[in-house]
Protein backbone atom coordinates (compact mmCIF):
# COMPACT_ATOMS: atom_id res chain seq x y z
CA MET A 1 63.99 110.19 86.67
CA ASN A 2 64.36 110.73 82.92
CA GLU A 3 64.54 106.97 82.32
CA ILE A 4 61.57 106.35 84.57
CA ALA A 5 59.54 109.02 82.83
CA LYS A 6 60.42 107.57 79.44
CA ALA A 7 59.37 104.08 80.55
CA ALA A 8 56.11 105.51 81.92
CA GLY A 9 55.45 107.38 78.70
CA CYS A 10 55.48 110.86 80.19
CA SER A 11 57.89 113.73 80.58
CA ALA A 12 60.44 113.97 83.38
CA ARG A 13 58.84 117.27 84.33
CA ARG A 14 55.52 115.54 84.89
CA CYS A 15 57.16 112.83 87.04
CA ASN A 16 58.87 115.52 89.10
CA ARG A 17 55.54 117.26 89.62
CA TYR A 18 54.12 114.18 91.34
CA PHE A 19 57.26 112.75 92.95
CA GLU A 20 59.87 114.84 94.71
CA ASN A 21 62.65 112.33 94.05
CA ARG A 22 63.36 108.68 93.21
CA GLU A 23 62.73 107.58 96.77
CA ALA A 24 59.24 109.11 96.76
CA LEU A 25 58.51 107.38 93.46
CA ARG A 26 59.87 104.08 94.80
CA ILE A 27 57.69 104.34 97.90
CA ALA A 28 54.59 105.05 95.82
CA TYR A 29 55.36 102.13 93.52
CA VAL A 30 55.92 99.71 96.39
CA ALA A 31 52.72 100.91 98.07
CA ARG A 32 50.79 100.21 94.87
CA GLU A 33 52.37 96.78 94.47
CA THR A 34 51.74 95.79 98.09
CA HIS A 35 48.11 96.90 97.81
CA ARG A 36 47.74 94.79 94.65
CA LEU A 37 49.43 91.88 96.40
CA SER A 38 47.20 92.15 99.48
CA GLU A 39 44.12 91.75 97.29
CA SER A 40 45.48 88.38 96.13
CA ILE A 41 45.67 86.85 99.60
CA ASP A 42 42.61 84.75 100.33
CA VAL A 43 42.46 82.93 103.64
CA ASP A 44 38.71 83.23 104.21
CA GLY A 45 38.10 79.48 104.02
CA ILE A 46 40.56 78.69 106.82
CA GLU A 47 38.87 78.55 110.22
CA ASP A 48 41.87 78.04 112.53
CA ARG A 49 43.51 81.40 113.33
CA ALA A 50 47.05 80.00 113.42
CA GLU A 51 46.55 78.23 110.09
CA ARG A 52 45.13 81.44 108.58
CA LEU A 53 48.20 83.35 109.75
CA VAL A 54 50.64 80.78 108.36
CA ALA A 55 48.75 80.57 105.06
CA GLY A 56 48.72 84.36 104.78
CA ILE A 57 52.45 84.62 105.44
CA VAL A 58 53.34 81.80 103.04
CA THR A 59 51.15 83.31 100.32
CA THR A 60 52.63 86.76 100.89
CA LEU A 61 56.19 85.47 100.64
CA ARG A 62 55.35 83.58 97.44
CA LEU A 63 53.75 86.65 95.88
CA VAL A 64 56.67 88.89 96.87
CA ARG A 65 59.08 86.38 95.34
CA GLU A 66 57.05 86.34 92.11
CA SER A 67 56.88 90.15 91.89
CA PRO A 68 59.95 91.67 90.21
CA ALA A 69 59.23 95.02 91.85
CA LEU A 70 58.96 93.69 95.38
CA SER A 71 61.56 90.95 95.20
CA ALA A 72 64.14 93.50 94.01
CA LEU A 73 63.74 95.30 97.32
CA VAL A 74 64.78 92.30 99.38
CA ARG A 75 67.73 91.01 97.39
CA ASP A 76 70.89 90.18 99.35
CA ASP A 77 72.68 93.28 98.05
CA ARG A 78 70.35 95.59 99.99
CA SER A 79 70.25 96.59 103.64
CA PRO A 80 70.78 94.09 106.48
CA ALA A 81 67.02 93.90 106.98
CA GLY A 82 66.56 93.30 103.26
CA ARG A 83 69.09 90.48 103.39
CA ARG A 84 67.19 88.79 106.22
CA VAL A 85 63.86 89.11 104.42
CA GLY A 86 65.46 88.02 101.15
CA ARG A 87 66.78 84.85 102.75
CA ALA A 88 63.38 84.13 104.28
CA ILE A 89 61.64 84.54 100.94
CA ARG A 90 63.98 82.10 99.19
CA THR A 91 63.57 79.36 101.80
């Protein structure tokens, strides 16, 4: 948490006030990144529902791959589910 606080430009005490532990901080960070990512997905011009779904999924996978924060969560060295998602993102 000390390194995270330093990178954020605040004290470790302040980080600990808002986040109980690293996992809580990680969850908050991923939530923020996924919200930011979701605002970048634009499928409004696609009429066909199946095409909209495919376009949304493809765009999401591309954006996750481009995001260091999110792509780090699905690298092959993570959980079995992360490995499956990681392989899907790279293909």
